[in-house]
Amino acid sequence: MQQDEAADDGFSPEQTPLERFGADVRRVRLGRKLYQRQLGRATGYSESYVSQVEAGKLLASSKFALGCDLAFGTNGLFAGRLRQMAEGDHPSQFVPYLELERKAARILNFSAVTVMGLLQTETYAESVFRAGHPRESDEVIRGKVTARLRRARLLAGQHPPTVWCVMHEACLRAHVGGRQAMAEQLDALLDRAAGPLVDLQVLPYSAGAVAVHSEPFTLLAFAAAQPVMYADDPQGGRLYRSADTVTAAVDNYDRLRANALSPDDSIEFIRAVRKEHAT
């Protein structure tokens, strides 16, 4: 057998939900005496894709989970596990957005108070979740943090989206997790902005009231489909598909960008604030 057939299949309580899902796929595959390349052919994916899913390095698609159920004869087990995993780490109303986010060609975000989720560091994300869910256990918080970091892998995929984020100055000034955590978060933003996928603009306090009536929202643009918008609210957020609503959001986003600092000036602004957190 290939080398991947010989490793231990034991369950570890320290595994992430993603790793447990991959381990279960592998366990059943070995039970059916299938190689990774065979499962790949059966599900429509490459052997490398199967390997990454089984190693817990890649979130399986719904198509892959359904293909596993067909190949294994498990009657919806893996499709259900994937859905349960997504809903367990995220609010149920957020799951449809996640499916669309993975297909988006462009992501346009306005962040009013906290750094957008895709760009958060582990320490920053943990601080956000602990503040927002003060009565939850460490295990629940860890699951939420893991899910958020897993989303960020979207930017390292084969066909990653481009991201344009307009963030209010408050996102940079708030001491989320303390000064050291904020310094690390701002370093991460600068690293992202240095690459080809992420553009950042800072909307400074001096811009005045332009952002006062704008709640945080995200626009997803696709190659061959109408854009959608996801907006935060006290109930956890809502996905909007109405053409009129999305068009109004696009106009609002253009207005926010026009009042924000240029990308180059924004980078210098973030660097200056980062020095303040460091001292």
Protein backbone atom coordinates (compact mmCIF):
# COMPACT_ATOMS: atom_id res chain seq x y z
CA MET A 1 0.00 0.00 0.00
CA GLN A 2 0.97 3.64 -0.35
CA GLN A 3 2.63 5.36 2.60
CA ASP A 4 -0.57 7.15 3.58
CA GLU A 5 -2.24 3.81 4.35
CA ALA A 6 0.20 2.95 7.14
CA ALA A 7 -0.25 5.83 9.59
CA ASP A 8 -2.20 5.64 12.86
CA ASP A 9 -5.92 6.35 12.65
CA GLY A 10 -6.47 6.93 16.38
CA PHE A 11 -8.72 9.70 17.63
CA SER A 12 -7.05 12.55 19.50
CA PRO A 13 -9.06 14.91 21.72
CA GLU A 14 -6.71 17.71 20.67
CA GLN A 15 -7.78 17.48 17.04
CA THR A 16 -9.61 20.42 15.53
CA PRO A 17 -13.05 19.81 13.97
CA LEU A 18 -11.35 20.05 10.57
CA GLU A 19 -8.80 17.39 11.53
CA ARG A 20 -11.50 15.10 12.96
CA PHE A 21 -13.50 15.35 9.75
CA GLY A 22 -10.39 14.49 7.70
CA ALA A 23 -9.50 11.60 10.00
CA ASP A 24 -13.02 10.16 9.61
CA VAL A 25 -12.80 10.39 5.82
CA ARG A 26 -9.49 8.58 5.93
CA ARG A 27 -10.74 5.93 8.34
CA VAL A 28 -13.73 5.04 6.17
CA ARG A 29 -11.65 5.18 2.99
CA LEU A 30 -9.21 2.67 4.43
CA GLY A 31 -12.11 0.53 5.57
CA ARG A 32 -13.38 0.47 1.98
CA LYS A 33 -9.82 -0.38 0.81
CA LEU A 34 -9.61 2.69 -1.43
CA TYR A 35 -6.52 4.72 -2.29
CA GLN A 36 -6.60 8.52 -2.16
CA ARG A 37 -6.41 8.69 -5.95
CA GLN A 38 -9.44 6.40 -6.22
CA LEU A 39 -11.48 8.55 -3.84
CA GLY A 40 -10.33 11.59 -5.78
CA ARG A 41 -11.64 10.15 -9.03
CA ALA A 42 -14.91 9.18 -7.38
CA THR A 43 -15.49 12.66 -5.96
CA GLY A 44 -14.11 14.68 -8.86
CA TYR A 45 -11.01 15.95 -7.05
CA SER A 46 -7.28 15.36 -7.18
CA GLU A 47 -5.32 12.99 -4.96
CA SER A 48 -3.63 16.06 -3.45
CA TYR A 49 -7.02 17.53 -2.52
CA VAL A 50 -8.03 14.32 -0.74
CA SER A 51 -4.70 14.27 1.10
CA GLN A 52 -5.13 17.85 2.33
CA VAL A 53 -8.68 17.22 3.51
CA GLU A 54 -7.64 14.08 5.37
CA ALA A 55 -4.75 15.94 7.01
CA GLY A 56 -7.12 18.63 8.25
CA LYS A 57 -5.40 21.30 6.17
CA LEU A 58 -8.32 22.05 3.85
CA LEU A 59 -12.02 22.53 4.46
CA ALA A 60 -13.87 20.03 2.30
CA SER A 61 -16.45 21.32 -0.15
CA SER A 62 -20.08 20.21 -0.07
CA LYS A 63 -19.45 18.46 -3.38
CA PHE A 64 -16.59 16.45 -1.88
CA ALA A 65 -18.62 15.46 1.19
CA LEU A 66 -21.51 14.30 -1.01
CA GLY A 67 -19.05 12.43 -3.23
CA CYS A 68 -17.65 10.65 -0.17
CA ASP A 69 -21.14 9.57 0.86
CA LEU A 70 -21.75 8.14 -2.62
CA ALA A 71 -18.36 6.43 -2.80
CA PHE A 72 -18.59 5.00 0.73
CA GLY A 73 -22.32 4.31 0.79
CA THR A 74 -22.64 6.32 4.01
CA ASN A 75 -26.07 7.80 3.23
CA GLY A 76 -25.36 11.49 3.88
CA LEU A 77 -23.07 11.00 6.88
CA PHE A 78 -20.21 13.19 5.64
CA ALA A 79 -22.47 15.84 4.12
CA GLY A 80 -24.18 16.08 7.50
CA ARG A 81 -20.87 16.18 9.38
CA LEU A 82 -19.63 19.01 7.17
CA ARG A 83 -22.84 20.97 7.70
CA GLN A 84 -22.75 20.32 11.44
CA MET A 85 -19.13 21.42 11.63
CA ALA A 86 -19.87 24.69 9.86
CA GLU A 87 -22.96 25.42 11.94
CA GLY A 88 -21.20 24.46 15.15
CA ASP A 89 -18.44 27.03 14.69
CA HIS A 90 -20.51 29.77 13.09
CA PRO A 91 -24.01 31.16 13.63
CA SER A 92 -26.40 29.24 11.37
CA GLN A 93 -27.37 32.42 9.48
CA PHE A 94 -23.69 32.92 8.59
CA VAL A 95 -23.24 29.53 6.88
CA PRO A 96 -24.86 30.58 3.53
CA TYR A 97 -22.48 33.54 3.44
CA LEU A 98 -19.50 31.23 3.94
CA GLU A 99 -20.54 29.14 0.94
CA LEU A 100 -20.68 32.28 -1.21
CA GLU A 101 -17.46 33.71 0.21
CA ARG A 102 -15.54 30.67 -1.08
CA LYS A 103 -16.81 31.39 -4.61
CA ALA A 104 -16.29 35.17 -4.64
CA ALA A 105 -13.87 36.85 -7.02
CA ARG A 106 -13.78 40.09 -4.99
CA ILE A 107 -14.55 40.85 -1.35
CA LEU A 108 -15.28 44.46 -0.40
CA ASN A 109 -15.53 45.11 3.32
CA PHE A 110 -16.25 48.06 5.58
CA SER A 111 -15.14 47.55 9.18
CA ALA A 112 -16.39 50.07 11.71
CA VAL A 113 -15.00 48.86 15.04
CA THR A 114 -13.02 45.63 14.64
CA VAL A 115 -10.69 44.32 11.94
CA MET A 116 -12.51 42.17 9.38
CA GLY A 117 -12.53 38.46 10.22
CA LEU A 118 -10.45 37.30 7.24
CA LEU A 119 -7.56 39.52 8.36
CA GLN A 120 -7.59 38.83 12.10
CA THR A 121 -4.71 37.21 13.96
CA GLU A 122 -5.34 34.33 16.35
CA THR A 123 -4.86 36.43 19.50
CA TYR A 124 -7.04 39.25 18.19
CA ALA A 125 -9.82 36.83 17.17
CA GLU A 126 -9.74 35.11 20.55
CA SER A 127 -10.06 38.47 22.32
CA VAL A 128 -13.02 39.42 20.12
CA PHE A 129 -14.84 36.14 20.78
CA ARG A 130 -14.15 36.17 24.52
CA ALA A 131 -15.56 39.68 24.78
CA GLY A 132 -18.60 38.78 22.68
CA HIS A 133 -19.28 35.43 24.40
CA PRO A 134 -18.13 35.92 28.01
CA ARG A 135 -20.05 32.91 29.37
CA GLU A 136 -18.86 30.36 26.81
CA SER A 137 -16.31 27.66 27.64
CA ASP A 138 -12.72 27.69 26.44
CA GLU A 139 -13.59 24.84 24.06
CA VAL A 140 -16.37 26.83 22.40
CA ILE A 141 -14.15 29.91 22.06
CA ARG A 142 -11.35 27.78 20.61
CA GLY A 143 -13.76 26.34 18.04
CA LYS A 144 -14.83 29.81 16.96
CA VAL A 145 -11.23 31.00 16.69
CA THR A 146 -10.26 27.91 14.67
CA ALA A 147 -13.18 28.48 12.31
CA ARG A 148 -12.17 32.10 11.76
CA LEU A 149 -8.55 31.23 11.05
CA ARG A 150 -9.70 28.47 8.71
CA ARG A 151 -11.61 31.02 6.67
CA ALA A 152 -8.39 32.98 6.14
CA ARG A 153 -6.96 30.01 4.22
CA LEU A 154 -9.21 31.20 1.41
CA LEU A 155 -6.53 33.79 0.61
CA ALA A 156 -3.93 31.06 0.14
CA GLY A 157 -6.01 28.93 -2.24
CA GLN A 158 -5.47 28.28 -5.93
CA HIS A 159 -7.93 30.98 -7.02
CA PRO A 160 -8.06 33.43 -4.11
CA PRO A 161 -10.32 36.47 -4.19
CA THR A 162 -9.01 40.00 -4.01
CA VAL A 163 -9.95 41.88 -0.84
CA TRP A 164 -10.55 45.59 -0.46
CA CYS A 165 -11.11 46.70 3.11
CA VAL A 166 -12.07 50.17 4.28
CA MET A 167 -11.58 50.29 8.04
CA HIS A 168 -12.51 53.08 10.39
CA GLU A 169 -9.67 54.46 12.49
CA ALA A 170 -11.42 52.97 15.53
CA CYS A 171 -10.40 49.51 14.30
CA LEU A 172 -6.78 50.50 14.73
CA ARG A 173 -7.10 52.40 18.01
CA ALA A 174 -9.11 49.93 20.11
CA HIS A 175 -6.90 47.88 22.45
CA VAL A 176 -8.33 44.49 21.50
CA GLY A 177 -6.29 41.97 23.49
CA GLY A 178 -3.89 44.65 24.73
CA ARG A 179 -1.11 46.69 23.16
CA GLN A 180 1.06 43.72 22.17
CA ALA A 181 -1.86 41.93 20.52
CA MET A 182 -2.73 45.10 18.61
CA ALA A 183 0.87 45.57 17.49
CA GLU A 184 0.83 42.00 16.14
CA GLN A 185 -2.52 42.60 14.44
CA LEU A 186 -1.33 45.76 12.74
CA ASP A 187 1.84 43.97 11.62
CA ALA A 188 -0.39 41.30 10.07
CA LEU A 189 -2.41 43.95 8.23
CA LEU A 190 0.76 45.50 6.86
CA ASP A 191 1.99 42.08 5.71
CA ARG A 192 -1.31 41.40 3.94
CA ALA A 193 -1.32 44.81 2.29
CA ALA A 194 2.21 44.23 0.99
CA GLY A 195 0.92 41.32 -1.09
CA PRO A 196 -1.11 41.41 -4.32
CA LEU A 197 -4.50 40.35 -2.91
CA VAL A 198 -5.36 42.86 -0.18
CA ASP A 199 -5.91 46.62 -0.39
CA LEU A 200 -6.50 48.63 2.77
CA GLN A 201 -7.90 52.11 3.26
CA VAL A 202 -8.28 53.86 6.60
CA LEU A 203 -11.27 56.11 7.21
CA PRO A 204 -9.83 58.56 9.77
CA TYR A 205 -11.76 60.31 12.53
CA SER A 206 -11.14 63.52 10.60
CA ALA A 207 -13.47 62.26 7.83
CA GLY A 208 -16.33 63.29 10.10
CA ALA A 209 -19.83 61.86 9.93
CA VAL A 210 -19.50 59.92 6.68
CA ALA A 211 -19.32 56.57 8.54
CA VAL A 212 -21.79 57.37 11.33
CA HIS A 213 -24.74 55.71 9.62
CA SER A 214 -22.80 52.80 8.13
CA GLU A 215 -22.93 49.48 9.94
CA PRO A 216 -20.18 46.97 9.08
CA PHE A 217 -20.96 45.19 5.81
CA THR A 218 -19.34 43.06 3.15
CA LEU A 219 -19.98 42.89 -0.59
CA LEU A 220 -19.18 39.71 -2.53
CA ALA A 221 -18.65 40.02 -6.29
CA PHE A 222 -18.58 37.00 -8.61
CA ALA A 223 -17.33 36.29 -12.10
CA ALA A 224 -20.72 35.20 -13.44
CA ALA A 225 -23.35 36.06 -10.84
CA GLN A 226 -24.97 39.06 -9.20
CA PRO A 227 -23.15 40.49 -6.17
CA VAL A 228 -24.55 40.01 -2.67
CA MET A 229 -24.17 41.85 0.62
CA TYR A 230 -23.81 40.64 4.17
CA ALA A 231 -24.47 43.14 6.95
CA ASP A 232 -23.95 42.78 10.69
CA ASP A 233 -26.84 43.36 13.07
CA PRO A 234 -27.68 42.57 16.72
CA GLN A 235 -29.07 39.17 15.66
CA GLY A 236 -25.79 38.13 14.07
CA GLY A 237 -26.09 39.38 10.50
CA ARG A 238 -28.11 38.93 7.33
CA LEU A 239 -27.43 38.11 3.68
CA TYR A 240 -29.01 40.45 1.11
CA ARG A 241 -29.53 39.54 -2.55
CA SER A 242 -31.96 42.24 -3.67
CA ALA A 243 -30.50 44.23 -6.58
CA ASP A 244 -31.73 47.54 -5.11
CA THR A 245 -30.25 46.82 -1.68
CA VAL A 246 -26.91 45.69 -3.10
CA THR A 247 -26.71 48.67 -5.47
CA ALA A 248 -27.31 51.05 -2.57
CA ALA A 249 -24.54 49.29 -0.63
CA VAL A 250 -22.14 49.63 -3.58
CA ASP A 251 -22.88 53.37 -3.72
CA ASN A 252 -22.26 53.63 0.01
CA TYR A 253 -19.00 51.72 -0.32
CA ASP A 254 -17.81 54.05 -3.09
CA ARG A 255 -18.58 57.01 -0.82
CA LEU A 256 -16.61 55.46 2.05
CA ARG A 257 -13.63 54.80 -0.22
CA ALA A 258 -13.73 58.36 -1.55
CA ASN A 259 -13.55 59.78 1.99
CA ALA A 260 -10.85 57.39 3.19
CA LEU A 261 -7.11 57.89 2.95
CA SER A 262 -5.43 56.56 -0.17
CA PRO A 263 -3.99 53.02 0.10
CA ASP A 264 -0.42 54.37 0.34
CA ASP A 265 -1.35 56.98 2.95
CA SER A 266 -3.34 54.33 4.81
CA ILE A 267 -0.26 52.10 5.09
CA GLU A 268 1.73 54.99 6.57
CA PHE A 269 -1.14 55.72 8.95
CA ILE A 270 -1.25 52.08 10.13
CA ARG A 271 2.52 52.12 10.66
CA ALA A 272 2.23 55.23 12.81
CA VAL A 273 -0.53 53.71 14.95
CA ARG A 274 1.43 50.50 15.23
CA LYS A 275 4.33 52.46 16.79
CA GLU A 276 1.92 53.93 19.31
CA HIS A 277 0.74 50.46 20.37
CA ALA A 278 4.33 49.27 20.64
CA THR A 279 5.18 52.06 23.09
